[in-house]
Every structure is written in C-alpha cells, then in structure tokens.
N, C-alpha and C. Protein backbone atom coordinates (compact mmCIF):
# COMPACT_ATOMS: atom_id res chain seq x y z
N MET A 1 37.80 -55.00 8.72
CA MET A 1 38.09 -54.09 7.80
C MET A 1 39.41 -53.20 8.23
N ASN A 2 40.53 -53.11 7.77
CA ASN A 2 41.60 -52.45 7.96
C ASN A 2 41.31 -50.89 8.05
N GLN A 3 42.43 -50.10 9.01
CA GLN A 3 42.21 -48.83 9.33
C GLN A 3 42.15 -47.94 8.08
N ILE A 4 42.72 -47.91 7.02
CA ILE A 4 42.67 -47.24 6.11
C ILE A 4 41.46 -47.10 5.27
N VAL A 5 40.58 -48.32 5.32
CA VAL A 5 39.41 -48.77 4.58
C VAL A 5 38.39 -47.90 5.76
N ARG A 6 38.27 -48.15 7.04
CA ARG A 6 37.43 -47.64 7.78
C ARG A 6 37.05 -46.32 8.04
N ARG A 7 38.64 -45.68 7.80
CA ARG A 7 38.66 -44.17 7.57
C ARG A 7 37.65 -43.86 6.35
N ALA A 8 38.01 -44.35 5.19
CA ALA A 8 37.52 -43.95 3.70
C ALA A 8 35.95 -44.23 3.90
N VAL A 9 35.71 -44.96 4.86
CA VAL A 9 33.88 -45.32 4.77
C VAL A 9 33.72 -43.89 5.95
N ILE A 10 34.34 -43.70 6.90
CA ILE A 10 33.58 -42.76 7.60
C ILE A 10 33.75 -41.49 7.42
N GLY A 11 34.49 -41.24 6.37
CA GLY A 11 34.69 -39.90 5.83
C GLY A 11 33.45 -39.86 4.68
N ALA A 12 33.20 -41.01 3.72
CA ALA A 12 32.18 -41.04 3.21
C ALA A 12 30.55 -40.39 3.58
N ALA A 13 30.91 -41.22 4.75
CA ALA A 13 29.35 -41.09 5.86
C ALA A 13 29.51 -39.66 6.52
N LEU A 14 30.41 -39.00 6.60
CA LEU A 14 30.63 -37.43 7.01
C LEU A 14 30.21 -36.74 6.01
N ALA A 15 30.43 -37.36 4.64
CA ALA A 15 30.45 -36.17 3.35
C ALA A 15 28.97 -36.26 2.96
N PHE A 16 28.50 -37.18 3.25
CA PHE A 16 27.01 -37.63 2.83
C PHE A 16 26.00 -36.87 3.90
N LEU A 17 26.24 -36.67 4.88
CA LEU A 17 25.61 -36.26 6.10
C LEU A 17 25.57 -34.51 6.02
N ALA A 18 26.94 -34.10 5.21
CA ALA A 18 27.21 -32.58 4.79
C ALA A 18 26.33 -32.57 3.73
N SER A 19 26.66 -33.37 2.94
CA SER A 19 25.71 -32.86 1.90
C SER A 19 24.23 -32.67 1.93
N THR A 20 23.57 -33.65 3.12
CA THR A 20 22.18 -33.65 2.90
C THR A 20 21.74 -32.71 3.97
N SER A 21 22.85 -31.87 4.63
CA SER A 21 22.06 -31.18 5.93
C SER A 21 20.96 -30.06 5.45
N GLY A 22 21.58 -29.63 4.37
CA GLY A 22 20.72 -28.80 3.30
C GLY A 22 19.41 -28.81 3.13
N LEU A 23 19.22 -30.38 2.71
CA LEU A 23 17.91 -30.65 2.49
C LEU A 23 16.99 -31.19 3.82
N VAL A 24 17.93 -31.31 4.81
CA VAL A 24 17.02 -31.33 6.32
C VAL A 24 16.55 -29.81 6.94
N THR A 25 17.45 -29.22 6.65
CA THR A 25 16.85 -27.74 6.97
C THR A 25 15.76 -27.05 6.44
N SER A 26 16.21 -27.33 4.81
CA SER A 26 15.13 -26.63 3.75
C SER A 26 13.60 -27.74 4.47
N ALA A 27 13.75 -29.14 4.66
CA ALA A 27 12.17 -29.72 4.83
C ALA A 27 11.67 -28.87 6.13
N TRP A 28 12.69 -28.79 7.12
CA TRP A 28 12.08 -28.10 8.44
C TRP A 28 11.55 -26.79 8.25
N GLY A 29 12.16 -25.89 7.12
CA GLY A 29 11.85 -24.71 6.99
C GLY A 29 10.51 -24.67 6.45
N ALA A 30 10.25 -25.52 5.09
CA ALA A 30 8.49 -26.00 4.63
C ALA A 30 7.70 -26.21 5.44
N ALA A 31 8.15 -26.59 6.80
CA ALA A 31 7.26 -27.10 7.79
C ALA A 31 6.92 -26.34 8.62
N GLY A 32 7.33 -24.99 8.41
CA GLY A 32 6.94 -23.89 9.29
C GLY A 32 5.65 -23.15 9.33
N LYS A 33 5.47 -21.62 9.56
CA LYS A 33 4.50 -21.02 9.28
C LYS A 33 4.73 -20.62 7.99
N PRO A 34 3.51 -20.47 6.99
CA PRO A 34 3.23 -20.25 5.38
C PRO A 34 3.46 -18.58 5.28
N ARG A 35 4.49 -18.47 4.42
CA ARG A 35 4.56 -16.92 3.88
C ARG A 35 4.31 -16.60 2.65
N VAL A 36 3.99 -15.63 2.58
CA VAL A 36 3.25 -15.22 1.27
C VAL A 36 4.13 -13.77 0.83
N ALA A 37 4.26 -13.84 -0.58
CA ALA A 37 4.87 -12.65 -1.03
C ALA A 37 3.97 -11.58 -1.50
N ILE A 38 3.80 -10.64 -1.35
CA ILE A 38 2.87 -9.68 -1.87
C ILE A 38 3.54 -8.79 -2.96
N GLU A 39 3.68 -8.74 -3.84
CA GLU A 39 4.61 -8.25 -4.92
C GLU A 39 3.68 -6.96 -5.35
N THR A 40 3.76 -5.78 -5.08
CA THR A 40 3.34 -4.38 -5.67
C THR A 40 4.59 -3.68 -6.68
N ASP A 41 3.84 -2.46 -7.20
CA ASP A 41 4.46 -2.05 -7.82
C ASP A 41 5.21 -0.88 -7.15
N LYS A 42 5.20 -1.07 -5.65
CA LYS A 42 6.42 -0.30 -5.13
C LYS A 42 7.51 -1.43 -4.31
N GLY A 43 7.32 -2.54 -4.53
CA GLY A 43 7.97 -3.49 -4.13
C GLY A 43 7.28 -4.57 -3.39
N THR A 44 8.06 -5.67 -2.87
CA THR A 44 7.43 -6.89 -2.28
C THR A 44 7.51 -6.72 -0.69
N ILE A 45 6.54 -7.12 -0.18
CA ILE A 45 6.17 -7.45 0.78
C ILE A 45 5.94 -8.64 1.28
N VAL A 46 6.74 -9.41 2.45
CA VAL A 46 6.65 -10.85 2.61
C VAL A 46 5.54 -11.08 4.01
N VAL A 47 5.00 -11.70 4.23
CA VAL A 47 4.15 -11.85 5.42
C VAL A 47 4.01 -13.22 5.91
N GLU A 48 4.37 -13.38 7.49
CA GLU A 48 4.41 -14.88 7.73
C GLU A 48 3.09 -14.84 8.30
N LEU A 49 2.26 -16.37 8.02
CA LEU A 49 0.79 -16.11 8.89
C LEU A 49 1.25 -17.00 10.06
N GLU A 50 0.28 -16.79 11.01
CA GLU A 50 0.06 -17.41 12.41
C GLU A 50 -1.17 -18.44 12.37
N ASP A 51 -0.98 -19.56 11.23
CA ASP A 51 -1.69 -20.55 11.01
C ASP A 51 -2.09 -21.43 12.05
N LYS A 52 -1.62 -21.29 13.24
CA LYS A 52 -1.66 -22.09 14.27
C LYS A 52 -2.49 -21.25 15.48
N LYS A 53 -2.20 -19.85 15.38
CA LYS A 53 -2.98 -19.37 16.42
C LYS A 53 -4.04 -18.47 15.88
N ALA A 54 -3.91 -18.24 14.77
CA ALA A 54 -5.10 -17.78 14.34
C ALA A 54 -5.86 -18.68 12.87
N PRO A 55 -5.91 -19.85 12.84
CA PRO A 55 -6.29 -20.79 11.92
C PRO A 55 -7.25 -20.49 11.07
N ILE A 56 -8.03 -19.99 10.91
CA ILE A 56 -9.59 -19.50 10.45
C ILE A 56 -9.35 -18.25 9.53
N THR A 57 -8.54 -17.37 9.96
CA THR A 57 -8.18 -16.21 9.33
C THR A 57 -6.97 -16.41 8.49
N ALA A 58 -6.12 -17.16 8.41
CA ALA A 58 -4.94 -17.56 7.89
C ALA A 58 -5.42 -18.59 6.61
N ALA A 59 -6.08 -19.36 7.09
CA ALA A 59 -6.46 -20.29 5.90
C ALA A 59 -7.55 -19.53 5.20
N ASN A 60 -8.27 -18.51 5.58
CA ASN A 60 -9.53 -17.88 4.47
C ASN A 60 -8.37 -17.03 3.81
N PHE A 61 -7.32 -16.61 4.49
CA PHE A 61 -6.54 -15.56 3.36
C PHE A 61 -5.51 -16.39 2.13
N LEU A 62 -5.08 -17.42 2.51
CA LEU A 62 -4.58 -18.41 1.76
C LEU A 62 -5.56 -18.80 0.70
N THR A 63 -6.73 -18.93 1.05
CA THR A 63 -7.52 -19.47 -0.10
C THR A 63 -7.38 -18.70 -1.16
N TYR A 64 -7.87 -17.10 -0.75
CA TYR A 64 -7.62 -16.01 -1.87
C TYR A 64 -6.36 -16.00 -2.61
N VAL A 65 -5.06 -16.27 -1.87
CA VAL A 65 -4.03 -16.23 -2.36
C VAL A 65 -3.84 -17.39 -3.74
N ASP A 66 -4.19 -18.80 -3.09
CA ASP A 66 -3.98 -19.78 -3.98
C ASP A 66 -4.95 -19.46 -5.20
N ARG A 67 -6.18 -18.96 -4.90
CA ARG A 67 -6.95 -18.62 -6.02
C ARG A 67 -6.86 -17.51 -6.81
N HIS A 68 -5.65 -16.77 -6.56
CA HIS A 68 -5.26 -15.49 -7.21
C HIS A 68 -5.86 -14.20 -7.28
N ARG A 69 -6.92 -14.52 -6.43
CA ARG A 69 -7.72 -13.22 -6.30
C ARG A 69 -7.00 -12.18 -5.58
N PHE A 70 -6.31 -11.96 -5.36
CA PHE A 70 -5.38 -10.81 -4.88
C PHE A 70 -4.81 -10.38 -5.97
N ASP A 71 -4.10 -10.98 -7.06
CA ASP A 71 -3.80 -10.86 -8.39
C ASP A 71 -4.39 -9.55 -8.97
N GLY A 72 -4.10 -8.39 -9.11
CA GLY A 72 -4.66 -7.36 -10.04
C GLY A 72 -5.55 -6.32 -8.75
N GLY A 73 -5.12 -6.92 -7.45
CA GLY A 73 -6.02 -6.49 -6.19
C GLY A 73 -5.38 -4.82 -6.04
N GLN A 74 -5.44 -4.29 -5.05
CA GLN A 74 -4.68 -3.02 -4.71
C GLN A 74 -4.60 -2.59 -3.18
N PHE A 75 -3.53 -1.80 -2.72
CA PHE A 75 -3.71 -1.12 -1.52
C PHE A 75 -4.26 0.30 -1.92
N PHE A 76 -5.67 0.47 -1.36
CA PHE A 76 -6.25 1.72 -1.70
C PHE A 76 -6.37 2.81 -0.71
N ARG A 77 -6.16 2.43 0.47
CA ARG A 77 -6.27 3.16 1.59
C ARG A 77 -5.11 3.09 2.63
N ALA A 78 -4.61 4.70 2.82
CA ALA A 78 -3.58 5.24 3.83
C ALA A 78 -4.30 5.86 5.06
N ASN A 79 -4.16 4.86 5.97
CA ASN A 79 -4.82 5.71 7.31
C ASN A 79 -3.62 6.20 8.63
N ARG A 80 -3.44 7.47 8.23
CA ARG A 80 -2.27 7.85 8.45
C ARG A 80 -2.66 8.49 10.44
N ALA A 81 -1.76 8.22 11.13
CA ALA A 81 -2.00 8.91 12.58
C ALA A 81 -1.78 10.18 12.70
N LYS A 82 -2.42 11.06 13.06
CA LYS A 82 -2.51 12.41 13.44
C LYS A 82 -1.18 12.59 14.10
N GLY A 83 -0.28 13.42 13.95
CA GLY A 83 0.83 14.30 14.43
C GLY A 83 1.95 13.08 14.71
N ALA A 84 1.71 12.09 14.11
CA ALA A 84 3.09 10.89 14.24
C ALA A 84 3.30 10.59 12.81
N PRO A 85 4.19 11.18 12.03
CA PRO A 85 4.72 10.64 10.83
C PRO A 85 5.51 9.13 10.42
N GLY A 86 4.74 8.56 9.42
CA GLY A 86 5.36 6.98 9.57
C GLY A 86 4.33 6.41 10.54
N ALA A 87 3.60 6.99 10.82
CA ALA A 87 2.46 5.79 11.74
C ALA A 87 0.99 5.68 11.14
N GLY A 88 0.80 4.66 11.29
CA GLY A 88 -0.76 4.20 10.51
C GLY A 88 -0.79 2.94 10.25
N SER A 89 -1.87 2.62 8.78
CA SER A 89 -1.76 1.13 8.31
C SER A 89 -2.28 1.37 6.71
N ILE A 90 -1.84 0.49 5.71
CA ILE A 90 -2.63 0.37 4.78
C ILE A 90 -3.39 -0.60 4.39
N GLN A 91 -4.37 -0.31 3.79
CA GLN A 91 -5.53 -1.18 3.63
C GLN A 91 -5.70 -2.10 2.38
N GLY A 92 -5.57 -3.16 1.93
CA GLY A 92 -5.61 -4.14 0.53
C GLY A 92 -7.00 -4.78 0.45
N GLN A 93 -6.91 -4.79 -0.67
CA GLN A 93 -8.33 -5.42 -1.20
C GLN A 93 -7.87 -6.54 -2.50
N PRO A 94 -8.87 -7.24 -2.49
CA PRO A 94 -8.56 -8.36 -3.98
C PRO A 94 -8.82 -7.48 -5.23
N LYS A 95 -8.58 -7.87 -6.46
CA LYS A 95 -9.07 -7.40 -7.74
C LYS A 95 -10.41 -6.91 -7.78
N PRO A 96 -10.93 -5.90 -8.29
CA PRO A 96 -12.08 -5.78 -8.54
C PRO A 96 -13.19 -6.63 -9.30
N TYR A 97 -14.24 -6.76 -8.41
CA TYR A 97 -15.37 -7.56 -8.69
C TYR A 97 -14.82 -9.25 -8.70
N SER A 98 -14.08 -9.26 -7.98
CA SER A 98 -13.51 -10.46 -7.55
C SER A 98 -14.40 -11.70 -6.77
N ARG A 99 -14.84 -12.60 -6.99
CA ARG A 99 -15.72 -13.40 -6.04
C ARG A 99 -15.49 -13.46 -4.64
N ARG A 100 -16.11 -13.08 -3.87
CA ARG A 100 -15.70 -13.48 -2.60
C ARG A 100 -16.40 -14.70 -1.74
N ALA A 101 -15.44 -15.21 -0.82
CA ALA A 101 -16.11 -16.26 -0.17
C ALA A 101 -16.81 -15.75 1.00
N PRO A 102 -17.61 -17.00 1.76
CA PRO A 102 -18.65 -16.16 2.96
C PRO A 102 -17.82 -15.52 4.02
N PRO A 103 -18.01 -14.47 4.66
CA PRO A 103 -17.69 -14.29 6.02
C PRO A 103 -16.98 -15.07 6.55
N ILE A 104 -16.33 -14.81 7.75
CA ILE A 104 -15.20 -15.81 8.61
C ILE A 104 -15.49 -15.59 9.61
N ALA A 105 -15.30 -16.56 11.00
CA ALA A 105 -15.75 -15.94 12.20
C ALA A 105 -14.71 -15.20 12.79
N HIS A 106 -15.04 -14.34 13.40
CA HIS A 106 -14.07 -13.43 14.10
C HIS A 106 -13.08 -14.16 15.19
N GLU A 107 -11.59 -13.98 14.95
CA GLU A 107 -10.70 -14.38 15.85
C GLU A 107 -10.00 -13.69 16.54
N SER A 108 -10.70 -13.27 17.80
CA SER A 108 -10.25 -11.87 18.79
C SER A 108 -8.86 -12.43 19.59
N THR A 109 -8.04 -11.33 19.39
CA THR A 109 -6.67 -10.99 19.85
C THR A 109 -6.80 -11.17 21.18
N LEU A 110 -7.79 -11.58 21.90
CA LEU A 110 -7.75 -11.91 23.46
C LEU A 110 -7.73 -13.38 23.32
N LYS A 111 -8.16 -14.20 22.21
CA LYS A 111 -8.00 -15.74 22.62
C LYS A 111 -6.46 -16.05 21.48
N THR A 112 -6.30 -14.89 20.50
CA THR A 112 -5.45 -15.77 19.68
C THR A 112 -3.84 -15.31 20.30
N GLY A 113 -3.99 -14.27 21.37
CA GLY A 113 -2.53 -13.58 21.66
C GLY A 113 -1.86 -12.67 20.95
N LEU A 114 -2.13 -12.48 19.52
CA LEU A 114 -1.73 -11.82 18.74
C LEU A 114 -2.08 -10.03 19.05
N ARG A 115 -1.16 -9.56 18.47
CA ARG A 115 -1.28 -8.28 18.46
C ARG A 115 -0.97 -7.29 17.67
N HIS A 116 -1.70 -6.15 17.52
CA HIS A 116 -1.55 -5.01 16.52
C HIS A 116 -0.07 -4.32 16.50
N THR A 117 0.98 -4.86 16.25
CA THR A 117 2.30 -4.38 16.48
C THR A 117 2.64 -3.90 15.21
N ALA A 118 3.70 -3.27 15.26
CA ALA A 118 4.21 -2.62 13.58
C ALA A 118 4.43 -3.94 13.05
N GLY A 119 3.94 -3.88 11.74
CA GLY A 119 4.22 -5.08 10.94
C GLY A 119 3.01 -6.12 10.76
N ALA A 120 2.24 -6.15 11.72
CA ALA A 120 1.02 -6.86 11.60
C ALA A 120 0.02 -6.96 10.78
N ILE A 121 -0.51 -8.11 10.16
CA ILE A 121 -1.35 -7.99 9.07
C ILE A 121 -2.74 -8.61 9.60
N SER A 122 -3.62 -7.81 9.64
CA SER A 122 -4.98 -8.07 10.43
C SER A 122 -6.15 -7.83 9.09
N MET A 123 -7.35 -8.58 9.44
CA MET A 123 -8.56 -8.46 8.76
C MET A 123 -9.10 -7.01 8.97
N GLY A 124 -9.70 -6.65 7.80
CA GLY A 124 -10.60 -5.29 7.62
C GLY A 124 -12.11 -6.01 8.25
N ARG A 125 -13.00 -5.63 8.49
CA ARG A 125 -14.32 -5.79 8.82
C ARG A 125 -15.45 -4.78 9.18
N ASP A 126 -16.59 -5.12 9.42
CA ASP A 126 -17.29 -4.08 9.61
C ASP A 126 -17.80 -4.83 11.35
N ALA A 127 -19.17 -5.41 11.07
CA ALA A 127 -19.43 -6.03 12.48
C ALA A 127 -18.56 -7.44 12.81
N PRO A 128 -18.23 -7.67 13.82
CA PRO A 128 -17.43 -8.96 14.02
C PRO A 128 -18.23 -9.99 13.24
N GLY A 129 -17.28 -10.87 12.78
CA GLY A 129 -17.37 -11.80 11.87
C GLY A 129 -18.18 -11.86 10.46
N SER A 130 -17.89 -10.35 10.15
CA SER A 130 -18.22 -10.36 8.47
C SER A 130 -16.73 -9.92 7.83
N ALA A 131 -15.62 -10.08 8.12
CA ALA A 131 -14.93 -10.40 7.40
C ALA A 131 -14.74 -11.02 6.18
N THR A 132 -14.15 -10.58 5.07
CA THR A 132 -13.94 -11.44 4.09
C THR A 132 -12.57 -11.54 3.44
N ALA A 133 -12.51 -10.67 2.57
CA ALA A 133 -11.06 -10.46 2.13
C ALA A 133 -9.99 -9.17 2.44
N ASP A 134 -10.81 -7.83 2.39
CA ASP A 134 -9.90 -6.92 2.73
C ASP A 134 -9.02 -7.10 4.20
N PHE A 135 -7.63 -6.22 4.10
CA PHE A 135 -6.97 -6.97 5.20
C PHE A 135 -6.15 -5.62 5.12
N PHE A 136 -5.44 -5.07 6.51
CA PHE A 136 -4.58 -3.88 6.45
C PHE A 136 -3.43 -4.59 7.37
N ILE A 137 -2.11 -3.59 6.62
CA ILE A 137 -0.93 -4.15 7.71
C ILE A 137 -0.30 -2.81 8.39
N CYS A 138 -0.12 -2.77 9.42
CA CYS A 138 0.10 -1.94 10.16
C CYS A 138 1.61 -1.48 9.94
N ALA A 139 1.83 0.01 9.78
CA ALA A 139 2.99 0.40 9.82
C ALA A 139 3.72 0.63 11.12
N SER A 140 2.80 0.87 12.17
CA SER A 140 3.19 1.01 13.24
C SER A 140 2.35 0.32 14.60
N ALA A 141 2.72 0.19 15.88
CA ALA A 141 1.90 -0.19 16.75
C ALA A 141 0.69 0.41 16.70
N GLN A 142 -0.38 -0.31 16.72
CA GLN A 142 -1.54 0.42 16.89
C GLN A 142 -2.72 -0.48 18.00
N PRO A 143 -2.29 -0.56 19.20
CA PRO A 143 -2.91 -1.34 20.23
C PRO A 143 -4.38 -0.96 20.41
N TYR A 144 -4.95 0.15 20.06
CA TYR A 144 -5.99 0.55 20.12
C TYR A 144 -7.11 -0.24 19.09
N LEU A 145 -6.44 -1.28 18.41
CA LEU A 145 -7.43 -2.18 17.59
C LEU A 145 -7.30 -3.72 17.98
N ASP A 146 -6.55 -3.75 19.16
CA ASP A 146 -6.68 -5.01 19.94
C ASP A 146 -8.07 -4.85 20.82
N ALA A 147 -8.40 -6.56 20.68
CA ALA A 147 -9.61 -6.66 21.57
C ALA A 147 -9.47 -6.33 22.90
N LYS A 148 -10.72 -6.14 23.84
CA LYS A 148 -10.70 -5.53 25.05
C LYS A 148 -12.09 -6.25 25.35
N PRO A 149 -11.56 -6.65 26.80
CA PRO A 149 -13.03 -6.99 27.67
C PRO A 149 -14.18 -6.19 27.33
N GLY A 150 -15.04 -6.84 26.52
CA GLY A 150 -16.59 -6.24 26.88
C GLY A 150 -17.25 -7.13 25.43
N LYS A 151 -18.50 -6.61 25.15
CA LYS A 151 -19.56 -7.24 24.22
C LYS A 151 -19.67 -6.30 23.44
N SER A 152 -19.42 -4.73 23.04
CA SER A 152 -19.78 -4.31 21.78
C SER A 152 -18.58 -4.67 20.68
N ASP A 153 -19.12 -4.17 19.41
CA ASP A 153 -18.62 -4.54 18.22
C ASP A 153 -16.89 -3.63 18.77
N ALA A 154 -17.03 -2.85 18.90
CA ALA A 154 -15.26 -1.76 19.31
C ALA A 154 -14.42 -3.06 20.06
N ALA A 155 -15.10 -3.37 21.07
CA ALA A 155 -14.35 -3.89 22.10
C ALA A 155 -13.71 -5.37 21.67
N GLN A 156 -14.56 -5.79 20.42
CA GLN A 156 -13.79 -6.96 19.47
C GLN A 156 -12.62 -6.77 18.65
N GLY A 157 -12.46 -5.61 18.62
CA GLY A 157 -10.88 -5.11 18.10
C GLY A 157 -11.05 -5.85 16.75
N TYR A 158 -9.66 -6.48 16.18
CA TYR A 158 -9.86 -7.04 14.68
C TYR A 158 -8.83 -8.09 14.79
N ALA A 159 -8.92 -8.68 13.57
CA ALA A 159 -8.05 -10.05 13.46
C ALA A 159 -6.90 -10.31 13.29
N VAL A 160 -6.04 -10.04 14.12
CA VAL A 160 -4.37 -9.85 13.56
C VAL A 160 -4.24 -11.70 12.93
N PHE A 161 -3.55 -11.93 12.21
CA PHE A 161 -3.00 -13.24 11.69
C PHE A 161 -1.67 -13.53 11.11
N GLY A 162 -0.71 -12.76 11.32
CA GLY A 162 0.41 -12.93 10.83
C GLY A 162 1.06 -11.46 11.39
N LYS A 163 2.41 -11.19 10.16
CA LYS A 163 3.38 -10.24 10.39
C LYS A 163 4.21 -9.86 9.25
N VAL A 164 4.68 -8.84 8.97
CA VAL A 164 5.74 -8.55 8.02
C VAL A 164 7.27 -9.11 8.66
N VAL A 165 7.91 -9.94 7.47
CA VAL A 165 8.98 -10.68 7.86
C VAL A 165 9.88 -9.56 6.62
N GLN A 166 9.77 -9.24 5.43
CA GLN A 166 10.27 -8.41 4.76
C GLN A 166 9.59 -7.61 4.06
N GLY A 167 10.39 -6.25 3.89
CA GLY A 167 9.48 -4.90 3.00
C GLY A 167 8.67 -4.34 4.01
N MET A 168 9.18 -3.64 5.32
CA MET A 168 8.52 -2.73 5.74
C MET A 168 8.56 -1.16 5.29
N ASP A 169 9.80 -1.55 4.44
CA ASP A 169 9.92 -0.23 3.49
C ASP A 169 8.99 0.25 2.88
N VAL A 170 8.50 -0.97 2.11
CA VAL A 170 7.27 -0.96 1.10
C VAL A 170 6.05 -0.34 1.53
N VAL A 171 5.76 -1.03 2.96
CA VAL A 171 4.73 -0.80 3.73
C VAL A 171 4.57 0.77 4.50
N LYS A 172 6.12 1.36 4.48
CA LYS A 172 5.91 3.22 5.21
C LYS A 172 5.69 3.81 3.53
N LYS A 173 6.41 3.03 2.31
CA LYS A 173 6.15 3.95 1.37
C LYS A 173 4.89 4.08 0.63
N SER A 174 4.27 3.16 0.87
CA SER A 174 2.80 3.32 0.66
C SER A 174 1.92 3.96 1.30
N LEU A 175 2.52 4.23 2.50
CA LEU A 175 1.47 4.68 3.26
C LEU A 175 1.87 6.45 3.45
N ALA A 176 2.90 6.76 2.92
CA ALA A 176 3.25 8.04 2.47
C ALA A 176 2.45 8.60 1.34
N GLY A 177 1.89 7.90 0.61
CA GLY A 177 1.24 8.24 -0.88
C GLY A 177 0.44 9.42 -0.95
N ARG A 178 -0.11 9.81 -1.90
CA ARG A 178 -1.30 10.67 -1.87
C ARG A 178 -2.36 10.02 -1.53
N THR A 179 -3.39 10.98 -0.86
CA THR A 179 -4.32 10.46 -0.22
C THR A 179 -5.48 11.22 -0.47
N ASP A 180 -5.81 11.73 -1.83
CA ASP A 180 -6.51 12.77 -2.13
C ASP A 180 -7.68 12.12 -3.19
N GLY A 181 -7.80 10.53 -2.87
CA GLY A 181 -8.55 10.11 -4.00
C GLY A 181 -9.96 10.17 -3.48
N PRO A 182 -11.25 9.95 -4.51
CA PRO A 182 -12.10 10.21 -4.33
C PRO A 182 -13.21 8.93 -3.47
N THR A 183 -14.10 8.77 -2.53
CA THR A 183 -14.66 8.27 -1.40
C THR A 183 -16.00 8.46 -1.12
N ASN A 184 -17.07 7.84 -1.01
CA ASN A 184 -18.26 7.69 -0.92
C ASN A 184 -18.49 7.74 0.94
N VAL A 185 -17.47 7.44 1.41
CA VAL A 185 -17.47 6.90 2.86
C VAL A 185 -16.84 8.14 3.68
N PRO A 186 -17.46 8.90 4.45
CA PRO A 186 -17.17 10.11 5.12
C PRO A 186 -15.76 9.76 5.89
N SER A 187 -15.53 8.66 6.95
CA SER A 187 -14.79 8.53 7.60
C SER A 187 -13.34 8.08 6.76
N MET A 188 -13.57 7.73 5.81
CA MET A 188 -12.63 7.28 4.57
C MET A 188 -11.87 8.64 4.25
N LYS A 189 -12.35 10.17 4.09
CA LYS A 189 -12.19 11.26 3.44
C LYS A 189 -10.42 11.59 3.53
N GLY A 190 -9.54 11.92 2.99
CA GLY A 190 -8.49 12.09 2.91
C GLY A 190 -7.59 10.78 3.39
N GLN A 191 -8.31 9.89 2.89
CA GLN A 191 -7.14 8.62 3.08
C GLN A 191 -7.18 7.70 1.99
N ILE A 192 -7.86 7.70 0.88
CA ILE A 192 -7.43 7.17 -0.22
C ILE A 192 -6.70 7.45 -1.23
N LEU A 193 -6.26 6.45 -1.26
CA LEU A 193 -4.57 6.51 -1.87
C LEU A 193 -4.84 6.91 -3.60
N ASN A 194 -4.18 7.86 -4.41
CA ASN A 194 -4.11 8.32 -5.38
C ASN A 194 -2.86 8.65 -6.30
N PRO A 195 -2.18 7.93 -6.86
CA PRO A 195 -2.90 6.62 -7.15
C PRO A 195 -2.77 5.47 -6.38
N PRO A 196 -3.73 4.13 -6.42
CA PRO A 196 -3.35 3.20 -5.26
C PRO A 196 -2.25 2.78 -5.51
N VAL A 197 -1.77 1.84 -5.11
CA VAL A 197 -0.58 0.68 -4.81
C VAL A 197 -0.91 -0.51 -5.56
N LYS A 198 -0.36 -0.90 -6.64
CA LYS A 198 -0.86 -1.97 -7.25
C LYS A 198 -0.41 -3.04 -6.55
N ILE A 199 -1.26 -4.18 -6.31
CA ILE A 199 -0.84 -5.86 -6.31
C ILE A 199 -0.87 -6.32 -7.42
N ILE A 200 0.29 -6.45 -8.02
CA ILE A 200 0.80 -7.28 -8.95
C ILE A 200 0.29 -8.96 -9.00
N SER A 201 0.78 -9.38 -8.01
CA SER A 201 0.45 -10.94 -7.10
C SER A 201 0.80 -11.39 -6.28
N MET A 202 0.16 -12.21 -5.47
CA MET A 202 0.47 -12.99 -4.43
C MET A 202 0.66 -14.17 -4.42
N LYS A 203 2.04 -14.82 -3.72
CA LYS A 203 1.95 -16.34 -4.00
C LYS A 203 2.36 -16.78 -2.58
N ARG A 204 2.16 -17.83 -2.50
CA ARG A 204 3.47 -18.80 -1.24
C ARG A 204 4.82 -18.70 -1.38
N VAL A 205 5.57 -18.64 -0.33
CA VAL A 205 7.09 -18.64 -0.99
C VAL A 205 7.84 -19.66 0.11
C-alpha cells in the first residue's frame, strides 16, 4: 500500500469514527437514568429518576407514566413554608378516577441515601407503605421530610426517587399560585391550588 492510499484509508477511518461518535454518546445517554417530561399548563418540568437507588418507587412512577395515568392529572396542592417566600412543595396526582396500582413498599431515605433537597421528587403517603401515585416536588430543601432513626410513622420520612433537572421555574411558579380552593382535610386548608395546575401529559424523554 503506497503512502497516498494509506493516508486515504486512515482519513476515511477517522471520518467514520467522527460520524459515529454522536451515536455512541447517544447510546450511552440512553442507558443512563430515566427522565420524564411533565408537561403542564405553566410549562414543562423534567425529572431524572434514581432507578438504582430507589428501584421500587421509580418503577412504580414509570408504570403510571407509561400507562398515561398522569395525563389529565393535576398539581392540586401548594404547601408553602411560612415566612420563607419560594419555599415549600407542590403535590401532584393522576387524572380523576384513574385506576391505581396496589401500594408500594416504602424506600426510606436512610437506605437510599437520597434527600429532600431543592428539586427532589418524592412520594406522598399516609402510613409507610401506603404510597400509590400521589407525588410532590420540593421547591426548596425540606430536610424534615427525610427519615430519621426510629420506628414511628413520622420517623420513616418520605421516599425520594429523583430530582428536577429542568423546569424549577415552573415548580416555583406553581407554588406561588392562589391556594383558596376547597378541601375536606383541615391540615390542607389554605393549600389547595385554585385553579390547579393541569398536567397535560407525562412521557419518558
């Protein structure tokens, strides 16, 4: 092989590698943590799920996403921290009368190592192990929601399973909405969004 041909072959090989580098990067990204786009009437929020650290909770959430049960749902509650503008969380739920899967096992933050930092997405629940589909997103750090040593329900905390990677402005905008909606739950008085923030769709991205 003469020098000119050799250079042509090497050049072609380098060009091929350059053209496929995007494919390699794309494949690597696709194998990473799952992401979900939450499209609302106030904008889009993208969350990245910790499917390795909180596998049960992440898989449960993705089941509702894949079955489109959040499409037509809403963020109905804004739990604002008193005396701290912009702090608190917003709570979302599936569309009305949507079929819910059985409750899932509670994945404590003591075991997962995840925390209720700003942007964390976590499961709503009553007793530990009662969570189904309701979830909330922290607009600010809320460490009191993390699990603590102890056996009481309160000590178990809530199950974080991901974080917001895009759209925190939408979270804060939703948190700032009017909250004079009706409720039969005394502890939620003054926290019900009026109107609620509509969830148009949720899908993997």
